[in-house]
Amino acid sequence: MPTLAQLLAFLAAAVLITATPGPDNLMVLGVGMSRGRRRGIAFGLGCALGCLSHTALAVLGVSALVAASPIAFTALKWIGGGYLVWLGLRALRSRGGRLSGTAGAADETAATLFRRGLAANAVNPKVVLFFLSFLPQFVVPEQGPVALQLGVLGLVFTAQAALIFALLGAFAGSIGAWLNRRPGAGAWLDRIAGVVFIGLGLRIITSR
């Protein structure tokens, strides 16, 4: 098991990385502002829990295999980037009104957005590489089985990410609710969220 010193050092680094503006933060902000506080929290929790899949892959060594195979990594990039572009196009086609529960919101439940956040994180190749390079830095082989240490660190990372993303989703939802009380703001919030998702998707696809 990791020592207390290991866990504290890892937690400090994890919080700093999670709080730094990046793709996940922007996605949570976009969903929270355009869909509301509850759905923003749900999407943020989905993104955070998606880290569990990367933890499992790191423990099993599959992440190393993906990183070592250009074909596998490229395929993952296209799948992950394409999924984000698809979400962005859906948001752009929206007519707004999602925050007030009007027509068109039936398929945007909190559970649906939670699953979308989970998928968006799970198919992000950048997160695969991040876990592969970040977690091992805090592993001390002398402290016990490496796989167990990786698993514990992954759970710690997921827990702090869930808290930060939930707070971020709630904050963005409050801003979105305030803006949505203004005529026409709902549609513009959807367009902003759509542009963010499409931009992030294209960035993943074109990244080296």
N, C-alpha and C. Protein backbone atom coordinates (compact mmCIF):
# COMPACT_ATOMS: atom_id res chain seq x y z
N MET A 1 0.84 -1.20 0.00
CA MET A 1 0.00 0.00 0.00
C MET A 1 0.88 1.25 0.00
N PRO A 2 0.41 2.33 -0.68
CA PRO A 2 1.17 3.59 -0.63
C PRO A 2 1.20 4.14 0.79
N THR A 3 2.27 4.81 1.14
CA THR A 3 2.38 5.42 2.46
C THR A 3 1.57 6.71 2.49
N LEU A 4 1.39 7.26 3.68
CA LEU A 4 0.66 8.51 3.82
C LEU A 4 1.37 9.63 3.06
N ALA A 5 2.70 9.64 3.15
CA ALA A 5 3.46 10.68 2.43
C ALA A 5 3.24 10.57 0.92
N GLN A 6 3.24 9.33 0.41
CA GLN A 6 2.98 9.12 -1.01
C GLN A 6 1.60 9.66 -1.39
N LEU A 7 0.60 9.32 -0.60
CA LEU A 7 -0.77 9.72 -0.91
C LEU A 7 -0.95 11.23 -0.87
N LEU A 8 -0.33 11.88 0.13
CA LEU A 8 -0.46 13.34 0.25
C LEU A 8 0.22 14.04 -0.92
N ALA A 9 1.40 13.56 -1.29
CA ALA A 9 2.11 14.16 -2.43
C ALA A 9 1.32 13.96 -3.72
N PHE A 10 0.78 12.76 -3.88
CA PHE A 10 -0.01 12.46 -5.07
C PHE A 10 -1.28 13.30 -5.10
N LEU A 11 -1.96 13.42 -3.96
CA LEU A 11 -3.21 14.17 -3.90
C LEU A 11 -2.98 15.64 -4.24
N ALA A 12 -1.89 16.21 -3.73
CA ALA A 12 -1.59 17.61 -4.03
C ALA A 12 -1.38 17.81 -5.53
N ALA A 13 -0.62 16.91 -6.14
CA ALA A 13 -0.37 17.00 -7.58
C ALA A 13 -1.65 16.78 -8.37
N ALA A 14 -2.47 15.82 -7.93
CA ALA A 14 -3.71 15.50 -8.64
C ALA A 14 -4.69 16.67 -8.61
N VAL A 15 -4.83 17.30 -7.45
CA VAL A 15 -5.74 18.45 -7.33
C VAL A 15 -5.26 19.59 -8.22
N LEU A 16 -3.96 19.84 -8.22
CA LEU A 16 -3.41 20.91 -9.05
C LEU A 16 -3.69 20.65 -10.53
N ILE A 17 -3.48 19.42 -10.96
CA ILE A 17 -3.70 19.06 -12.37
C ILE A 17 -5.18 19.13 -12.72
N THR A 18 -6.04 18.63 -11.85
CA THR A 18 -7.48 18.62 -12.13
C THR A 18 -8.05 20.02 -12.18
N ALA A 19 -7.57 20.90 -11.30
CA ALA A 19 -8.09 22.26 -11.23
C ALA A 19 -7.55 23.15 -12.35
N THR A 20 -6.46 22.73 -12.97
CA THR A 20 -5.90 23.52 -14.07
C THR A 20 -6.83 23.43 -15.28
N PRO A 21 -7.16 24.57 -15.91
CA PRO A 21 -8.07 24.54 -17.07
C PRO A 21 -7.59 23.57 -18.15
N GLY A 22 -8.48 22.70 -18.58
CA GLY A 22 -8.16 21.71 -19.60
C GLY A 22 -9.43 21.22 -20.26
N PRO A 23 -9.33 20.23 -21.14
CA PRO A 23 -10.51 19.73 -21.87
C PRO A 23 -11.66 19.30 -20.97
N ASP A 24 -11.37 18.52 -19.92
CA ASP A 24 -12.45 18.05 -19.05
C ASP A 24 -13.15 19.22 -18.36
N ASN A 25 -12.37 20.18 -17.86
CA ASN A 25 -12.96 21.33 -17.20
C ASN A 25 -13.87 22.11 -18.14
N LEU A 26 -13.40 22.31 -19.38
CA LEU A 26 -14.19 23.05 -20.35
C LEU A 26 -15.49 22.33 -20.70
N MET A 27 -15.41 21.00 -20.81
CA MET A 27 -16.62 20.24 -21.11
C MET A 27 -17.63 20.36 -19.97
N VAL A 28 -17.16 20.23 -18.74
CA VAL A 28 -18.07 20.34 -17.59
C VAL A 28 -18.68 21.73 -17.52
N LEU A 29 -17.87 22.76 -17.76
CA LEU A 29 -18.39 24.12 -17.76
C LEU A 29 -19.45 24.31 -18.85
N GLY A 30 -19.15 23.79 -20.04
CA GLY A 30 -20.09 23.94 -21.14
C GLY A 30 -21.41 23.27 -20.88
N VAL A 31 -21.37 22.03 -20.36
CA VAL A 31 -22.60 21.31 -20.06
C VAL A 31 -23.35 21.97 -18.91
N GLY A 32 -22.64 22.38 -17.87
CA GLY A 32 -23.29 23.01 -16.73
C GLY A 32 -24.01 24.30 -17.12
N MET A 33 -23.38 25.11 -17.94
CA MET A 33 -23.98 26.38 -18.35
C MET A 33 -25.17 26.17 -19.27
N SER A 34 -25.09 25.18 -20.16
CA SER A 34 -26.15 25.00 -21.14
C SER A 34 -27.26 24.06 -20.67
N ARG A 35 -26.98 23.19 -19.69
CA ARG A 35 -27.97 22.19 -19.27
C ARG A 35 -28.44 22.36 -17.83
N GLY A 36 -27.75 23.16 -17.05
CA GLY A 36 -28.19 23.37 -15.68
C GLY A 36 -27.30 22.71 -14.65
N ARG A 37 -27.50 23.10 -13.40
CA ARG A 37 -26.63 22.65 -12.31
C ARG A 37 -26.64 21.13 -12.14
N ARG A 38 -27.84 20.55 -12.05
CA ARG A 38 -27.95 19.10 -11.80
C ARG A 38 -27.28 18.30 -12.91
N ARG A 39 -27.52 18.69 -14.15
CA ARG A 39 -26.94 17.95 -15.27
C ARG A 39 -25.45 18.22 -15.40
N GLY A 40 -25.04 19.44 -15.04
CA GLY A 40 -23.61 19.73 -15.06
C GLY A 40 -22.85 18.88 -14.05
N ILE A 41 -23.44 18.72 -12.86
CA ILE A 41 -22.83 17.86 -11.84
C ILE A 41 -22.77 16.42 -12.33
N ALA A 42 -23.88 15.97 -12.95
CA ALA A 42 -23.93 14.59 -13.44
C ALA A 42 -22.86 14.34 -14.49
N PHE A 43 -22.70 15.29 -15.42
CA PHE A 43 -21.69 15.13 -16.46
C PHE A 43 -20.28 15.15 -15.85
N GLY A 44 -20.07 16.04 -14.88
CA GLY A 44 -18.77 16.11 -14.22
C GLY A 44 -18.43 14.83 -13.48
N LEU A 45 -19.42 14.25 -12.80
CA LEU A 45 -19.18 12.99 -12.11
C LEU A 45 -18.89 11.87 -13.10
N GLY A 46 -19.56 11.90 -14.26
CA GLY A 46 -19.28 10.91 -15.29
C GLY A 46 -17.85 11.02 -15.79
N CYS A 47 -17.40 12.25 -16.04
CA CYS A 47 -16.01 12.47 -16.47
C CYS A 47 -15.03 11.94 -15.43
N ALA A 48 -15.33 12.23 -14.16
CA ALA A 48 -14.42 11.80 -13.09
C ALA A 48 -14.37 10.28 -12.98
N LEU A 49 -15.54 9.64 -12.99
CA LEU A 49 -15.57 8.18 -12.84
C LEU A 49 -15.02 7.47 -14.07
N GLY A 50 -14.95 8.19 -15.19
CA GLY A 50 -14.30 7.61 -16.36
C GLY A 50 -12.83 7.30 -16.10
N CYS A 51 -12.27 7.97 -15.10
CA CYS A 51 -10.87 7.71 -14.74
C CYS A 51 -10.68 6.29 -14.22
N LEU A 52 -11.75 5.69 -13.71
CA LEU A 52 -11.63 4.32 -13.21
C LEU A 52 -11.24 3.35 -14.32
N SER A 53 -11.75 3.60 -15.53
CA SER A 53 -11.39 2.72 -16.64
C SER A 53 -9.92 2.86 -16.98
N HIS A 54 -9.40 4.08 -16.90
CA HIS A 54 -7.98 4.29 -17.18
C HIS A 54 -7.11 3.70 -16.08
N THR A 55 -7.62 3.74 -14.85
CA THR A 55 -6.89 3.11 -13.75
C THR A 55 -6.78 1.61 -13.98
N ALA A 56 -7.91 1.00 -14.36
CA ALA A 56 -7.92 -0.44 -14.63
C ALA A 56 -6.97 -0.79 -15.78
N LEU A 57 -6.98 0.04 -16.82
CA LEU A 57 -6.09 -0.21 -17.96
C LEU A 57 -4.63 -0.07 -17.56
N ALA A 58 -4.34 0.93 -16.72
CA ALA A 58 -2.96 1.11 -16.27
C ALA A 58 -2.50 -0.08 -15.44
N VAL A 59 -3.39 -0.55 -14.57
CA VAL A 59 -3.05 -1.70 -13.73
C VAL A 59 -2.81 -2.94 -14.58
N LEU A 60 -3.62 -3.13 -15.60
CA LEU A 60 -3.50 -4.32 -16.45
C LEU A 60 -2.41 -4.19 -17.50
N GLY A 61 -1.89 -2.97 -17.67
CA GLY A 61 -0.83 -2.77 -18.65
C GLY A 61 -1.33 -2.52 -20.06
N VAL A 62 -2.65 -2.40 -20.22
CA VAL A 62 -3.20 -2.18 -21.56
C VAL A 62 -2.83 -0.79 -22.06
N SER A 63 -2.75 0.18 -21.15
CA SER A 63 -2.39 1.54 -21.56
C SER A 63 -1.04 1.56 -22.24
N ALA A 64 -0.10 0.80 -21.71
CA ALA A 64 1.24 0.74 -22.32
C ALA A 64 1.15 0.16 -23.72
N LEU A 65 0.29 -0.84 -23.89
CA LEU A 65 0.13 -1.44 -25.21
C LEU A 65 -0.45 -0.44 -26.21
N VAL A 66 -1.45 0.31 -25.77
CA VAL A 66 -2.06 1.32 -26.65
C VAL A 66 -1.06 2.40 -27.01
N ALA A 67 -0.28 2.85 -26.01
CA ALA A 67 0.69 3.89 -26.26
C ALA A 67 1.80 3.41 -27.19
N ALA A 68 2.10 2.12 -27.16
CA ALA A 68 3.18 1.58 -27.98
C ALA A 68 2.72 1.26 -29.39
N SER A 69 1.42 1.22 -29.63
CA SER A 69 0.89 0.87 -30.95
C SER A 69 0.33 2.11 -31.63
N PRO A 70 0.99 2.63 -32.65
CA PRO A 70 0.48 3.82 -33.35
C PRO A 70 -0.92 3.60 -33.92
N ILE A 71 -1.19 2.41 -34.43
CA ILE A 71 -2.50 2.14 -35.01
C ILE A 71 -3.59 2.20 -33.95
N ALA A 72 -3.35 1.54 -32.81
CA ALA A 72 -4.34 1.54 -31.73
C ALA A 72 -4.56 2.94 -31.18
N PHE A 73 -3.47 3.68 -31.03
CA PHE A 73 -3.59 5.03 -30.49
C PHE A 73 -4.34 5.94 -31.46
N THR A 74 -4.06 5.83 -32.76
CA THR A 74 -4.75 6.64 -33.76
C THR A 74 -6.23 6.31 -33.79
N ALA A 75 -6.56 5.02 -33.71
CA ALA A 75 -7.97 4.62 -33.70
C ALA A 75 -8.68 5.20 -32.49
N LEU A 76 -8.01 5.17 -31.33
CA LEU A 76 -8.61 5.71 -30.12
C LEU A 76 -8.80 7.22 -30.24
N LYS A 77 -7.85 7.90 -30.88
CA LYS A 77 -7.98 9.34 -31.09
C LYS A 77 -9.22 9.66 -31.92
N TRP A 78 -9.40 8.92 -33.00
CA TRP A 78 -10.53 9.18 -33.89
C TRP A 78 -11.86 8.86 -33.20
N ILE A 79 -11.88 7.81 -32.42
CA ILE A 79 -13.11 7.46 -31.70
C ILE A 79 -13.44 8.53 -30.66
N GLY A 80 -12.44 8.90 -29.86
CA GLY A 80 -12.67 9.89 -28.82
C GLY A 80 -12.99 11.26 -29.39
N GLY A 81 -12.19 11.70 -30.37
CA GLY A 81 -12.44 13.01 -30.97
C GLY A 81 -13.76 13.05 -31.70
N GLY A 82 -14.08 11.98 -32.42
CA GLY A 82 -15.34 11.93 -33.15
C GLY A 82 -16.54 11.98 -32.23
N TYR A 83 -16.42 11.34 -31.07
CA TYR A 83 -17.53 11.35 -30.10
C TYR A 83 -17.78 12.77 -29.60
N LEU A 84 -16.71 13.50 -29.31
CA LEU A 84 -16.87 14.88 -28.83
C LEU A 84 -17.45 15.77 -29.92
N VAL A 85 -17.01 15.58 -31.16
CA VAL A 85 -17.57 16.36 -32.27
C VAL A 85 -19.06 16.08 -32.41
N TRP A 86 -19.45 14.81 -32.27
CA TRP A 86 -20.87 14.44 -32.35
C TRP A 86 -21.68 15.13 -31.26
N LEU A 87 -21.14 15.17 -30.04
CA LEU A 87 -21.84 15.86 -28.96
C LEU A 87 -21.96 17.35 -29.27
N GLY A 88 -20.91 17.91 -29.84
CA GLY A 88 -20.93 19.33 -30.19
C GLY A 88 -21.97 19.64 -31.25
N LEU A 89 -22.08 18.80 -32.25
CA LEU A 89 -23.07 19.01 -33.32
C LEU A 89 -24.49 18.92 -32.77
N ARG A 90 -24.71 18.01 -31.83
CA ARG A 90 -26.03 17.90 -31.19
C ARG A 90 -26.37 19.20 -30.47
N ALA A 91 -25.39 19.75 -29.77
CA ALA A 91 -25.63 20.99 -29.04
C ALA A 91 -25.90 22.15 -30.00
N LEU A 92 -25.19 22.19 -31.12
CA LEU A 92 -25.39 23.27 -32.08
C LEU A 92 -26.78 23.22 -32.71
N ARG A 93 -27.31 22.01 -32.87
CA ARG A 93 -28.63 21.87 -33.47
C ARG A 93 -29.75 22.14 -32.48
N SER A 94 -29.38 22.26 -31.19
CA SER A 94 -30.40 22.50 -30.16
C SER A 94 -31.01 23.89 -30.33
N ARG A 95 -32.25 24.01 -29.94
CA ARG A 95 -32.95 25.30 -29.99
C ARG A 95 -32.98 25.98 -28.63
N GLY A 96 -32.20 25.47 -27.71
CA GLY A 96 -32.20 26.07 -26.37
C GLY A 96 -33.34 25.54 -25.54
N GLY A 97 -33.58 26.19 -24.41
CA GLY A 97 -34.67 25.80 -23.54
C GLY A 97 -34.39 24.57 -22.71
N ARG A 98 -33.16 24.09 -22.68
CA ARG A 98 -32.87 22.85 -21.95
C ARG A 98 -32.97 23.06 -20.44
N LEU A 99 -32.66 24.26 -19.98
CA LEU A 99 -32.63 24.48 -18.54
C LEU A 99 -34.03 24.55 -17.94
N SER A 100 -34.99 24.94 -18.73
CA SER A 100 -36.33 25.09 -18.18
C SER A 100 -37.18 23.85 -18.35
N GLY A 101 -36.60 22.78 -18.97
CA GLY A 101 -37.31 21.53 -19.09
C GLY A 101 -38.33 21.51 -20.21
N THR A 102 -38.16 22.34 -21.25
CA THR A 102 -39.08 22.38 -22.36
C THR A 102 -38.79 21.27 -23.33
N ALA A 103 -39.53 21.26 -24.44
CA ALA A 103 -39.39 20.20 -25.42
C ALA A 103 -37.97 20.05 -25.87
N GLY A 104 -37.55 18.82 -26.06
CA GLY A 104 -36.19 18.55 -26.52
C GLY A 104 -35.27 18.15 -25.40
N ALA A 105 -35.74 18.27 -24.14
CA ALA A 105 -34.87 17.95 -23.01
C ALA A 105 -35.01 16.52 -22.54
N ALA A 106 -35.94 15.77 -23.12
CA ALA A 106 -36.21 14.42 -22.61
C ALA A 106 -35.01 13.51 -22.70
N ASP A 107 -34.19 13.70 -23.75
CA ASP A 107 -33.03 12.82 -23.92
C ASP A 107 -31.80 13.37 -23.23
N GLU A 108 -31.95 14.46 -22.47
CA GLU A 108 -30.82 15.08 -21.80
C GLU A 108 -30.96 14.98 -20.28
N THR A 109 -31.41 13.84 -19.80
CA THR A 109 -31.54 13.64 -18.36
C THR A 109 -30.16 13.61 -17.71
N ALA A 110 -30.15 13.73 -16.39
CA ALA A 110 -28.88 13.68 -15.67
C ALA A 110 -28.18 12.34 -15.90
N ALA A 111 -28.97 11.26 -15.94
CA ALA A 111 -28.38 9.94 -16.17
C ALA A 111 -27.73 9.85 -17.55
N THR A 112 -28.40 10.44 -18.54
CA THR A 112 -27.86 10.42 -19.90
C THR A 112 -26.54 11.19 -19.96
N LEU A 113 -26.51 12.36 -19.34
CA LEU A 113 -25.30 13.17 -19.37
C LEU A 113 -24.19 12.54 -18.54
N PHE A 114 -24.57 11.82 -17.47
CA PHE A 114 -23.56 11.09 -16.71
C PHE A 114 -22.88 10.06 -17.61
N ARG A 115 -23.68 9.32 -18.38
CA ARG A 115 -23.10 8.32 -19.28
C ARG A 115 -22.25 8.96 -20.37
N ARG A 116 -22.66 10.13 -20.84
CA ARG A 116 -21.88 10.81 -21.87
C ARG A 116 -20.55 11.30 -21.31
N GLY A 117 -20.57 11.80 -20.08
CA GLY A 117 -19.32 12.21 -19.44
C GLY A 117 -18.39 11.03 -19.25
N LEU A 118 -18.98 9.91 -18.84
CA LEU A 118 -18.20 8.67 -18.65
C LEU A 118 -17.53 8.25 -19.96
N ALA A 119 -18.32 8.27 -21.05
CA ALA A 119 -17.79 7.86 -22.35
C ALA A 119 -16.76 8.85 -22.87
N ALA A 120 -17.03 10.15 -22.69
CA ALA A 120 -16.12 11.17 -23.20
C ALA A 120 -14.73 11.03 -22.57
N ASN A 121 -14.69 10.70 -21.29
CA ASN A 121 -13.41 10.53 -20.61
C ASN A 121 -12.77 9.19 -20.96
N ALA A 122 -13.58 8.14 -21.02
CA ALA A 122 -13.05 6.80 -21.24
C ALA A 122 -12.38 6.63 -22.60
N VAL A 123 -12.85 7.38 -23.62
CA VAL A 123 -12.29 7.23 -24.96
C VAL A 123 -11.30 8.34 -25.30
N ASN A 124 -10.90 9.11 -24.31
CA ASN A 124 -9.94 10.19 -24.55
C ASN A 124 -8.51 9.63 -24.48
N PRO A 125 -7.78 9.59 -25.59
CA PRO A 125 -6.44 9.01 -25.58
C PRO A 125 -5.45 9.81 -24.76
N LYS A 126 -5.71 11.10 -24.60
CA LYS A 126 -4.81 11.93 -23.79
C LYS A 126 -4.85 11.49 -22.33
N VAL A 127 -6.02 11.08 -21.87
CA VAL A 127 -6.13 10.61 -20.49
C VAL A 127 -5.43 9.27 -20.33
N VAL A 128 -5.50 8.43 -21.36
CA VAL A 128 -4.77 7.16 -21.34
C VAL A 128 -3.29 7.41 -21.10
N LEU A 129 -2.72 8.30 -21.89
CA LEU A 129 -1.29 8.60 -21.76
C LEU A 129 -0.98 9.29 -20.44
N PHE A 130 -1.91 10.14 -19.99
CA PHE A 130 -1.70 10.83 -18.72
C PHE A 130 -1.58 9.84 -17.57
N PHE A 131 -2.50 8.90 -17.50
CA PHE A 131 -2.46 7.91 -16.42
C PHE A 131 -1.23 7.03 -16.54
N LEU A 132 -0.84 6.72 -17.77
CA LEU A 132 0.33 5.87 -17.97
C LEU A 132 1.61 6.55 -17.50
N SER A 133 1.67 7.88 -17.66
CA SER A 133 2.89 8.60 -17.29
C SER A 133 2.84 9.19 -15.87
N PHE A 134 1.63 9.49 -15.38
CA PHE A 134 1.51 10.19 -14.10
C PHE A 134 1.50 9.24 -12.90
N LEU A 135 0.66 8.23 -12.94
CA LEU A 135 0.54 7.34 -11.78
C LEU A 135 1.85 6.67 -11.38
N PRO A 136 2.63 6.12 -12.34
CA PRO A 136 3.85 5.42 -11.94
C PRO A 136 4.88 6.29 -11.22
N GLN A 137 4.80 7.61 -11.39
CA GLN A 137 5.75 8.49 -10.73
C GLN A 137 5.62 8.44 -9.22
N PHE A 138 4.47 8.02 -8.72
CA PHE A 138 4.23 8.00 -7.28
C PHE A 138 4.21 6.57 -6.73
N VAL A 139 4.66 5.64 -7.52
CA VAL A 139 4.73 4.24 -7.10
C VAL A 139 6.13 3.93 -6.57
N VAL A 140 6.20 3.30 -5.42
CA VAL A 140 7.46 2.87 -4.83
C VAL A 140 7.43 1.35 -4.73
N PRO A 141 8.14 0.65 -5.61
CA PRO A 141 8.09 -0.82 -5.63
C PRO A 141 8.37 -1.46 -4.27
N GLU A 142 9.23 -0.81 -3.48
CA GLU A 142 9.56 -1.36 -2.18
C GLU A 142 8.39 -1.35 -1.20
N GLN A 143 7.34 -0.57 -1.52
CA GLN A 143 6.20 -0.45 -0.61
C GLN A 143 5.16 -1.55 -0.82
N GLY A 144 5.37 -2.39 -1.82
CA GLY A 144 4.40 -3.46 -2.06
C GLY A 144 4.07 -3.63 -3.52
N PRO A 145 3.07 -4.45 -3.85
CA PRO A 145 2.71 -4.72 -5.24
C PRO A 145 2.42 -3.44 -6.02
N VAL A 146 3.04 -3.30 -7.18
CA VAL A 146 2.87 -2.11 -8.00
C VAL A 146 1.42 -1.96 -8.45
N ALA A 147 0.79 -3.06 -8.84
CA ALA A 147 -0.60 -3.01 -9.31
C ALA A 147 -1.53 -2.46 -8.23
N LEU A 148 -1.31 -2.88 -6.98
CA LEU A 148 -2.14 -2.40 -5.89
C LEU A 148 -1.94 -0.91 -5.67
N GLN A 149 -0.70 -0.45 -5.73
CA GLN A 149 -0.42 0.97 -5.56
C GLN A 149 -1.06 1.79 -6.67
N LEU A 150 -0.96 1.30 -7.91
CA LEU A 150 -1.59 1.99 -9.03
C LEU A 150 -3.10 2.09 -8.84
N GLY A 151 -3.71 1.00 -8.36
CA GLY A 151 -5.14 0.99 -8.14
C GLY A 151 -5.57 2.00 -7.09
N VAL A 152 -4.83 2.06 -5.99
CA VAL A 152 -5.15 2.99 -4.91
C VAL A 152 -4.99 4.44 -5.39
N LEU A 153 -3.91 4.71 -6.10
CA LEU A 153 -3.67 6.06 -6.61
C LEU A 153 -4.76 6.46 -7.60
N GLY A 154 -5.17 5.53 -8.44
CA GLY A 154 -6.24 5.81 -9.38
C GLY A 154 -7.55 6.14 -8.69
N LEU A 155 -7.85 5.44 -7.60
CA LEU A 155 -9.08 5.71 -6.84
C LEU A 155 -9.01 7.09 -6.18
N VAL A 156 -7.84 7.44 -5.66
CA VAL A 156 -7.67 8.76 -5.04
C VAL A 156 -7.86 9.85 -6.08
N PHE A 157 -7.27 9.64 -7.27
CA PHE A 157 -7.40 10.64 -8.33
C PHE A 157 -8.87 10.79 -8.73
N THR A 158 -9.57 9.68 -8.86
CA THR A 158 -10.97 9.72 -9.25
C THR A 158 -11.82 10.45 -8.22
N ALA A 159 -11.55 10.20 -6.94
CA ALA A 159 -12.33 10.82 -5.86
C ALA A 159 -12.18 12.34 -5.86
N GLN A 160 -10.93 12.81 -5.98
CA GLN A 160 -10.75 14.26 -5.95
C GLN A 160 -11.29 14.91 -7.23
N ALA A 161 -11.19 14.20 -8.35
CA ALA A 161 -11.73 14.73 -9.60
C ALA A 161 -13.25 14.83 -9.53
N ALA A 162 -13.89 13.84 -8.90
CA ALA A 162 -15.35 13.87 -8.76
C ALA A 162 -15.80 15.08 -7.96
N LEU A 163 -15.08 15.38 -6.89
CA LEU A 163 -15.43 16.53 -6.05
C LEU A 163 -15.25 17.83 -6.82
N ILE A 164 -14.10 17.98 -7.47
CA ILE A 164 -13.82 19.23 -8.19
C ILE A 164 -14.78 19.42 -9.36
N PHE A 165 -15.02 18.36 -10.14
CA PHE A 165 -15.90 18.49 -11.29
C PHE A 165 -17.35 18.73 -10.87
N ALA A 166 -17.77 18.13 -9.75
CA ALA A 166 -19.13 18.36 -9.25
C ALA A 166 -19.31 19.82 -8.86
N LEU A 167 -18.33 20.37 -8.17
CA LEU A 167 -18.38 21.79 -7.79
C LEU A 167 -18.37 22.68 -9.01
N LEU A 168 -17.56 22.30 -10.00
CA LEU A 168 -17.47 23.09 -11.23
C LEU A 168 -18.80 23.04 -11.98
N GLY A 169 -19.42 21.85 -12.06
CA GLY A 169 -20.71 21.73 -12.72
C GLY A 169 -21.79 22.54 -12.03
N ALA A 170 -21.78 22.54 -10.70
CA ALA A 170 -22.77 23.31 -9.93
C ALA A 170 -22.57 24.80 -10.16
N PHE A 171 -21.32 25.24 -10.15
CA PHE A 171 -21.02 26.66 -10.38
C PHE A 171 -21.45 27.09 -11.77
N ALA A 172 -21.10 26.29 -12.78
CA ALA A 172 -21.48 26.62 -14.15
C ALA A 172 -22.99 26.60 -14.32
N GLY A 173 -23.66 25.65 -13.65
CA GLY A 173 -25.11 25.58 -13.73
C GLY A 173 -25.78 26.82 -13.18
N SER A 174 -25.24 27.37 -12.09
CA SER A 174 -25.80 28.59 -11.51
C SER A 174 -25.67 29.76 -12.48
N ILE A 175 -24.51 29.85 -13.13
CA ILE A 175 -24.30 30.91 -14.12
C ILE A 175 -25.25 30.72 -15.30
N GLY A 176 -25.36 29.47 -15.77
CA GLY A 176 -26.23 29.19 -16.90
C GLY A 176 -27.69 29.50 -16.59
N ALA A 177 -28.14 29.16 -15.37
CA ALA A 177 -29.53 29.43 -14.99
C ALA A 177 -29.80 30.93 -14.98
N TRP A 178 -28.83 31.70 -14.51
CA TRP A 178 -28.98 33.16 -14.50
C TRP A 178 -29.06 33.70 -15.91
N LEU A 179 -28.18 33.21 -16.79
CA LEU A 179 -28.18 33.68 -18.17
C LEU A 179 -29.43 33.24 -18.91
N ASN A 180 -29.92 32.05 -18.59
CA ASN A 180 -31.06 31.51 -19.32
C ASN A 180 -32.35 32.26 -19.04
N ARG A 181 -32.36 33.06 -17.97
CA ARG A 181 -33.53 33.88 -17.70
C ARG A 181 -33.62 35.06 -18.65
N ARG A 182 -32.53 35.26 -19.40
CA ARG A 182 -32.51 36.32 -20.41
C ARG A 182 -33.00 35.75 -21.74
N PRO A 183 -33.84 36.47 -22.48
CA PRO A 183 -34.39 35.96 -23.73
C PRO A 183 -33.31 35.52 -24.72
N GLY A 184 -33.45 34.30 -25.23
CA GLY A 184 -32.54 33.80 -26.26
C GLY A 184 -31.21 33.29 -25.75
N ALA A 185 -30.96 33.41 -24.44
CA ALA A 185 -29.65 33.00 -23.92
C ALA A 185 -29.47 31.49 -23.98
N GLY A 186 -30.58 30.74 -23.82
CA GLY A 186 -30.48 29.28 -23.83
C GLY A 186 -29.87 28.74 -25.11
N ALA A 187 -30.33 29.27 -26.24
CA ALA A 187 -29.79 28.80 -27.53
C ALA A 187 -28.32 29.15 -27.67
N TRP A 188 -27.94 30.33 -27.20
CA TRP A 188 -26.53 30.72 -27.31
C TRP A 188 -25.65 29.89 -26.39
N LEU A 189 -26.17 29.51 -25.24
CA LEU A 189 -25.40 28.64 -24.34
C LEU A 189 -25.15 27.29 -25.00
N ASP A 190 -26.17 26.78 -25.69
CA ASP A 190 -26.01 25.52 -26.41
C ASP A 190 -24.95 25.66 -27.50
N ARG A 191 -24.97 26.79 -28.20
CA ARG A 191 -23.99 27.00 -29.28
C ARG A 191 -22.58 27.10 -28.72
N ILE A 192 -22.43 27.78 -27.58
CA ILE A 192 -21.10 27.88 -26.96
C ILE A 192 -20.60 26.50 -26.56
N ALA A 193 -21.49 25.71 -25.92
CA ALA A 193 -21.11 24.36 -25.52
C ALA A 193 -20.76 23.52 -26.74
N GLY A 194 -21.53 23.68 -27.82
CA GLY A 194 -21.25 22.92 -29.04
C GLY A 194 -19.90 23.24 -29.63
N VAL A 195 -19.57 24.53 -29.67
CA VAL A 195 -18.26 24.95 -30.20
C VAL A 195 -17.13 24.39 -29.35
N VAL A 196 -17.31 24.41 -28.02
CA VAL A 196 -16.29 23.87 -27.12
C VAL A 196 -16.06 22.39 -27.39
N PHE A 197 -17.13 21.62 -27.50
CA PHE A 197 -17.00 20.18 -27.71
C PHE A 197 -16.37 19.88 -29.07
N ILE A 198 -16.81 20.58 -30.11
CA ILE A 198 -16.24 20.34 -31.44
C ILE A 198 -14.76 20.71 -31.47
N GLY A 199 -14.42 21.84 -30.85
CA GLY A 199 -13.02 22.25 -30.81
C GLY A 199 -12.14 21.25 -30.09
N LEU A 200 -12.63 20.73 -28.96
CA LEU A 200 -11.86 19.74 -28.21
C LEU A 200 -11.74 18.44 -29.00
N GLY A 201 -12.83 18.06 -29.68
CA GLY A 201 -12.78 16.83 -30.48
C GLY A 201 -11.78 16.94 -31.61
N LEU A 202 -11.79 18.06 -32.32
CA LEU A 202 -10.84 18.25 -33.42
C LEU A 202 -9.41 18.33 -32.90
N ARG A 203 -9.26 18.89 -31.72
CA ARG A 203 -7.91 18.98 -31.14
C ARG A 203 -7.36 17.60 -30.85
N ILE A 204 -8.22 16.72 -30.33
CA ILE A 204 -7.78 15.35 -30.05
C ILE A 204 -7.42 14.63 -31.34
N ILE A 205 -8.28 14.79 -32.37
CA ILE A 205 -8.05 14.09 -33.63
C ILE A 205 -6.76 14.52 -34.32
N THR A 206 -6.47 15.83 -34.26
CA THR A 206 -5.31 16.37 -34.97
C THR A 206 -4.03 16.36 -34.13
N SER A 207 -4.13 16.03 -32.86
CA SER A 207 -2.94 16.05 -32.01
C SER A 207 -2.00 14.92 -32.36
N ARG A 208 -0.72 15.12 -32.08
CA ARG A 208 0.30 14.10 -32.34
C ARG A 208 0.70 13.42 -31.04
